[in-house]
Amino acid sequence: MMETTQTSGSCPAPSQAAVRPWISSSTRGNSGTPAVAISRFHGDGVRYQAKLIGVDPVPDSQGGKMCWDSMMKLKGMEIAARRQGKHKKRVWLKVFSTSLKILDDRSGAVLHDHDICRISSLTKDETDPRALAYVYQNEDSYCLFYIKMANMVRPLCHTTEKSDVRRK
């Protein structure tokens, strides 16, 4: 008498459908053409769920140490506010081909509307993979906006660099 057993590496039974292989996230949805990547930002843009940690006036448009110091200052203020029972402002970060908008999560009201050409630096927080900061030129002054994303920051940075939205 011959016994047949099906192991995890064997073929499916004739009545079962074959399972599709896993598609790598690096190839999933990758069109490869810059025109398609840029077209994502036209119309409604790309929306990311986030929390606004804070806004801090800074003396210059560039500078790694300046950005780091400002981010740590805002992070400290956020920790102090959390101890008092206050929460970070929940927002939507919408990236368009010409602007970046911060919208209120509940009402949808535009809190900040920034032209991309006035954003001088985009910095990832090395201690938190979901946090980023950018410096915006407002008339004759500069403000650092510190934001914590719901998901990893890397796709946002990659998306904006790929579409050449961020100016250097």
C-alpha atoms as a PDB file:
ATOM      1  CA  MET A   1       0.000   0.000   0.000  1.00  0.00           C
ATOM      2  CA  MET A   2       1.348   3.389  -0.980  1.00  0.00           C
ATOM      3  CA  GLU A   3       0.839   6.424   1.267  1.00  0.00           C
ATOM      4  CA  THR A   4       0.806   9.959  -0.089  1.00  0.00           C
ATOM      5  CA  THR A   5       1.243  12.930   2.149  1.00  0.00           C
ATOM      6  CA  GLN A   6       1.371  16.527   1.148  1.00  0.00           C
ATOM      7  CA  THR A   7       4.128  18.606   2.701  1.00  0.00           C
ATOM      8  CA  SER A   8       4.402  22.352   2.736  1.00  0.00           C
ATOM      9  CA  GLY A   9       6.759  22.349  -0.250  1.00  0.00           C
ATOM     10  CA  SER A  10       4.714  20.033  -2.467  1.00  0.00           C
ATOM     11  CA  CYS A  11       2.384  20.914  -5.329  1.00  0.00           C
ATOM     12  CA  PRO A  12      -1.262  21.649  -4.575  1.00  0.00           C
ATOM     13  CA  ALA A  13      -3.923  19.024  -5.125  1.00  0.00           C
ATOM     14  CA  PRO A  14      -5.696  19.147  -8.508  1.00  0.00           C
ATOM     15  CA  SER A  15      -8.768  20.727  -6.904  1.00  0.00           C
ATOM     16  CA  GLN A  16      -6.716  23.499  -5.244  1.00  0.00           C
ATOM     17  CA  ALA A  17      -5.533  26.659  -6.960  1.00  0.00           C
ATOM     18  CA  ALA A  18      -1.849  27.484  -6.874  1.00  0.00           C
ATOM     19  CA  VAL A  19      -0.825  30.291  -4.551  1.00  0.00           C
ATOM     20  CA  ARG A  20       0.629  33.314  -6.318  1.00  0.00           C
ATOM     21  CA  PRO A  21       4.202  34.113  -5.373  1.00  0.00           C
ATOM     22  CA  TRP A  22       4.899  37.119  -3.196  1.00  0.00           C
ATOM     23  CA  ILE A  23       5.758  40.292  -5.106  1.00  0.00           C
ATOM     24  CA  SER A  24       8.597  42.366  -3.722  1.00  0.00           C
ATOM     25  CA  SER A  25       7.576  45.790  -2.424  1.00  0.00           C
ATOM     26  CA  SER A  26      10.376  47.340  -4.468  1.00  0.00           C
ATOM     27  CA  THR A  27       8.740  46.180  -7.722  1.00  0.00           C
ATOM     28  CA  ARG A  28       5.114  46.472  -6.678  1.00  0.00           C
ATOM     29  CA  GLY A  29       3.497  49.493  -8.332  1.00  0.00           C
ATOM     30  CA  ASN A  30       6.783  50.715  -9.764  1.00  0.00           C
ATOM     31  CA  SER A  31       6.053  52.217 -13.142  1.00  0.00           C
ATOM     32  CA  GLY A  32       9.661  53.126 -13.833  1.00  0.00           C
ATOM     33  CA  THR A  33       8.808  56.287 -15.746  1.00  0.00           C
ATOM     34  CA  PRO A  34       9.298  59.718 -14.170  1.00  0.00           C
ATOM     35  CA  ALA A  35       6.155  61.046 -15.867  1.00  0.00           C
ATOM     36  CA  VAL A  36       3.962  58.566 -13.976  1.00  0.00           C
ATOM     37  CA  ALA A  37       5.718  59.348 -10.678  1.00  0.00           C
ATOM     38  CA  ILE A  38       5.206  63.086 -11.190  1.00  0.00           C
ATOM     39  CA  SER A  39       1.575  62.632 -12.242  1.00  0.00           C
ATOM     40  CA  ARG A  40       0.753  61.313  -8.739  1.00  0.00           C
ATOM     41  CA  PHE A  41       1.184  64.863  -7.425  1.00  0.00           C
ATOM     42  CA  HIS A  42      -1.222  66.535  -9.872  1.00  0.00           C
ATOM     43  CA  GLY A  43      -4.892  66.871  -9.004  1.00  0.00           C
ATOM     44  CA  ASP A  44      -5.548  65.771  -5.422  1.00  0.00           C
ATOM     45  CA  GLY A  45      -1.857  65.083  -4.701  1.00  0.00           C
ATOM     46  CA  VAL A  46      -0.589  62.403  -2.344  1.00  0.00           C
ATOM     47  CA  ARG A  47      -1.965  62.361   1.207  1.00  0.00           C
ATOM     48  CA  TYR A  48      -0.116  61.076   4.279  1.00  0.00           C
ATOM     49  CA  GLN A  49      -1.520  60.769   7.806  1.00  0.00           C
ATOM     50  CA  ALA A  50       0.713  62.488  10.367  1.00  0.00           C
ATOM     51  CA  LYS A  51       0.970  64.439  13.610  1.00  0.00           C
ATOM     52  CA  LEU A  52       2.386  67.945  13.808  1.00  0.00           C
ATOM     53  CA  ILE A  53       4.939  67.911  16.624  1.00  0.00           C
ATOM     54  CA  GLY A  54       5.694  71.596  16.351  1.00  0.00           C
ATOM     55  CA  VAL A  55       6.890  74.654  14.470  1.00  0.00           C
ATOM     56  CA  ASP A  56      10.074  76.474  15.449  1.00  0.00           C
ATOM     57  CA  PRO A  57      11.594  79.672  14.007  1.00  0.00           C
ATOM     58  CA  VAL A  58      15.179  79.026  12.874  1.00  0.00           C
ATOM     59  CA  PRO A  59      17.939  81.493  11.903  1.00  0.00           C
ATOM     60  CA  ASP A  60      18.943  79.953   8.564  1.00  0.00           C
ATOM     61  CA  SER A  61      17.587  77.841   5.704  1.00  0.00           C
ATOM     62  CA  GLN A  62      20.255  75.108   5.884  1.00  0.00           C
ATOM     63  CA  GLY A  63      22.320  73.394   8.535  1.00  0.00           C
ATOM     64  CA  GLY A  64      22.231  69.892   9.926  1.00  0.00           C
ATOM     65  CA  LYS A  65      23.071  70.897  13.505  1.00  0.00           C
ATOM     66  CA  MET A  66      20.539  73.738  13.455  1.00  0.00           C
ATOM     67  CA  CYS A  67      17.799  71.346  12.273  1.00  0.00           C
ATOM     68  CA  TRP A  68      18.826  68.712  14.821  1.00  0.00           C
ATOM     69  CA  ASP A  69      18.806  71.239  17.712  1.00  0.00           C
ATOM     70  CA  SER A  70      15.406  72.567  16.689  1.00  0.00           C
ATOM     71  CA  MET A  71      13.960  69.049  16.341  1.00  0.00           C
ATOM     72  CA  MET A  72      15.233  68.075  19.808  1.00  0.00           C
ATOM     73  CA  LYS A  73      13.799  71.303  21.274  1.00  0.00           C
ATOM     74  CA  LEU A  74      10.376  70.559  19.737  1.00  0.00           C
ATOM     75  CA  LYS A  75      10.560  66.919  20.829  1.00  0.00           C
ATOM     76  CA  GLY A  76      11.300  68.046  24.414  1.00  0.00           C
ATOM     77  CA  MET A  77       8.361  70.460  24.334  1.00  0.00           C
ATOM     78  CA  GLU A  78       6.129  67.655  23.024  1.00  0.00           C
ATOM     79  CA  ILE A  79       7.202  65.318  25.848  1.00  0.00           C
ATOM     80  CA  ALA A  80       6.478  68.046  28.413  1.00  0.00           C
ATOM     81  CA  ALA A  81       3.041  68.655  26.874  1.00  0.00           C
ATOM     82  CA  ARG A  82       2.299  64.911  26.921  1.00  0.00           C
ATOM     83  CA  ARG A  83       3.007  64.830  30.666  1.00  0.00           C
ATOM     84  CA  GLN A  84       0.331  67.500  31.057  1.00  0.00           C
ATOM     85  CA  GLY A  85      -2.135  65.350  29.120  1.00  0.00           C
ATOM     86  CA  LYS A  86      -1.961  67.243  25.819  1.00  0.00           C
ATOM     87  CA  HIS A  87      -1.771  65.426  22.500  1.00  0.00           C
ATOM     88  CA  LYS A  88      -0.017  66.192  19.231  1.00  0.00           C
ATOM     89  CA  LYS A  89      -2.136  67.786  16.511  1.00  0.00           C
ATOM     90  CA  ARG A  90      -3.398  65.113  14.089  1.00  0.00           C
ATOM     91  CA  VAL A  91      -3.000  66.278  10.497  1.00  0.00           C
ATOM     92  CA  TRP A  92      -2.919  65.177   6.875  1.00  0.00           C
ATOM     93  CA  LEU A  93       0.231  66.037   4.940  1.00  0.00           C
ATOM     94  CA  LYS A  94      -0.713  66.529   1.275  1.00  0.00           C
ATOM     95  CA  VAL A  95       2.077  66.712  -1.291  1.00  0.00           C
ATOM     96  CA  PHE A  96       1.295  68.351  -4.629  1.00  0.00           C
ATOM     97  CA  SER A  97       3.532  69.105  -7.604  1.00  0.00           C
ATOM     98  CA  THR A  98       3.784  72.777  -6.577  1.00  0.00           C
ATOM     99  CA  SER A  99       2.944  72.854  -2.879  1.00  0.00           C
ATOM    100  CA  LEU A 100       2.777  70.996   0.401  1.00  0.00           C
ATOM    101  CA  LYS A 101      -0.285  71.425   2.618  1.00  0.00           C
ATOM    102  CA  ILE A 102      -0.883  70.537   6.245  1.00  0.00           C
ATOM    103  CA  LEU A 103      -4.595  69.912   6.836  1.00  0.00           C
ATOM    104  CA  ASP A 104      -6.507  69.439  10.082  1.00  0.00           C
ATOM    105  CA  ASP A 105      -7.422  65.765  10.501  1.00  0.00           C
ATOM    106  CA  ARG A 106     -10.994  66.361  11.690  1.00  0.00           C
ATOM    107  CA  SER A 107     -12.175  69.470   9.863  1.00  0.00           C
ATOM    108  CA  GLY A 108      -9.989  69.285   6.753  1.00  0.00           C
ATOM    109  CA  ALA A 109      -9.102  72.969   7.139  1.00  0.00           C
ATOM    110  CA  VAL A 110      -5.769  74.053   5.671  1.00  0.00           C
ATOM    111  CA  LEU A 111      -3.423  74.878   8.569  1.00  0.00           C
ATOM    112  CA  HIS A 112      -0.339  75.588   6.443  1.00  0.00           C
ATOM    113  CA  ASP A 113       0.109  75.933   2.676  1.00  0.00           C
ATOM    114  CA  HIS A 114       3.740  75.921   1.542  1.00  0.00           C
ATOM    115  CA  ASP A 115       5.140  76.437  -1.955  1.00  0.00           C
ATOM    116  CA  ILE A 116       7.662  73.717  -2.744  1.00  0.00           C
ATOM    117  CA  CYS A 117      10.154  76.280  -4.061  1.00  0.00           C
ATOM    118  CA  ARG A 118      10.308  77.863  -0.573  1.00  0.00           C
ATOM    119  CA  ILE A 119      11.158  74.600   1.227  1.00  0.00           C
ATOM    120  CA  SER A 120      14.917  74.645   1.600  1.00  0.00           C
ATOM    121  CA  SER A 121      15.706  71.418   3.424  1.00  0.00           C
ATOM    122  CA  LEU A 122      14.030  68.115   4.236  1.00  0.00           C
ATOM    123  CA  THR A 123      15.607  66.192   7.129  1.00  0.00           C
ATOM    124  CA  LYS A 124      14.771  62.750   8.495  1.00  0.00           C
ATOM    125  CA  ASP A 125      15.038  62.280  12.260  1.00  0.00           C
ATOM    126  CA  GLU A 126      17.768  59.676  12.785  1.00  0.00           C
ATOM    127  CA  THR A 127      16.313  58.636  16.170  1.00  0.00           C
ATOM    128  CA  ASP A 128      12.743  58.135  14.904  1.00  0.00           C
ATOM    129  CA  PRO A 129      12.124  56.483  11.513  1.00  0.00           C
ATOM    130  CA  ARG A 130       8.643  58.029  11.307  1.00  0.00           C
ATOM    131  CA  ALA A 131       9.653  61.663  11.919  1.00  0.00           C
ATOM    132  CA  LEU A 132      10.867  64.357   9.539  1.00  0.00           C
ATOM    133  CA  ALA A 133      11.451  68.086   9.527  1.00  0.00           C
ATOM    134  CA  TYR A 134      11.596  70.687   6.800  1.00  0.00           C
ATOM    135  CA  VAL A 135      12.581  74.353   6.743  1.00  0.00           C
ATOM    136  CA  TYR A 136      10.176  76.778   5.077  1.00  0.00           C
ATOM    137  CA  GLN A 137      11.043  80.353   4.092  1.00  0.00           C
ATOM    138  CA  ASN A 138       8.280  82.700   5.219  1.00  0.00           C
ATOM    139  CA  GLU A 139       8.956  86.198   3.751  1.00  0.00           C
ATOM    140  CA  ASP A 140      12.220  87.126   5.540  1.00  0.00           C
ATOM    141  CA  SER A 141      12.260  84.420   8.232  1.00  0.00           C
ATOM    142  CA  TYR A 142      12.585  80.628   8.355  1.00  0.00           C
ATOM    143  CA  CYS A 143      10.451  78.094  10.231  1.00  0.00           C
ATOM    144  CA  LEU A 144      11.176  74.432  10.879  1.00  0.00           C
ATOM    145  CA  PHE A 145       8.131  72.151  10.749  1.00  0.00           C
ATOM    146  CA  TYR A 146       8.577  68.893  12.665  1.00  0.00           C
ATOM    147  CA  ILE A 147       6.150  66.127  11.683  1.00  0.00           C
ATOM    148  CA  LYS A 148       5.676  62.524  12.787  1.00  0.00           C
ATOM    149  CA  MET A 149       4.174  60.309  10.110  1.00  0.00           C
ATOM    150  CA  ALA A 150       1.787  57.409  10.716  1.00  0.00           C
ATOM    151  CA  ASN A 151       4.084  55.224   8.608  1.00  0.00           C
ATOM    152  CA  MET A 152       7.769  55.255   7.768  1.00  0.00           C
ATOM    153  CA  VAL A 153       9.189  58.525   6.434  1.00  0.00           C
ATOM    154  CA  ARG A 154      11.381  56.807   3.855  1.00  0.00           C
ATOM    155  CA  PRO A 155       8.610  56.356   1.231  1.00  0.00           C
ATOM    156  CA  LEU A 156       7.679  60.050   1.496  1.00  0.00           C
ATOM    157  CA  CYS A 157      11.293  61.167   1.076  1.00  0.00           C
ATOM    158  CA  HIS A 158      11.786  58.709  -1.792  1.00  0.00           C
ATOM    159  CA  THR A 159       8.559  59.837  -3.462  1.00  0.00           C
ATOM    160  CA  THR A 160       9.401  63.535  -3.282  1.00  0.00           C
ATOM    161  CA  GLU A 161      12.967  62.974  -4.491  1.00  0.00           C
ATOM    162  CA  LYS A 162      11.809  60.718  -7.343  1.00  0.00           C
ATOM    163  CA  SER A 163       9.358  63.296  -8.620  1.00  0.00           C
ATOM    164  CA  ASP A 164      11.845  66.137  -8.110  1.00  0.00           C
ATOM    165  CA  VAL A 165       9.298  67.956  -5.944  1.00  0.00           C
ATOM    166  CA  ARG A 166      11.927  68.904  -3.394  1.00  0.00           C
ATOM    167  CA  ARG A 167      14.309  71.589  -4.644  1.00  0.00           C
ATOM    168  CA  LYS A 168      17.907  71.677  -3.452  1.00  0.00           C
END
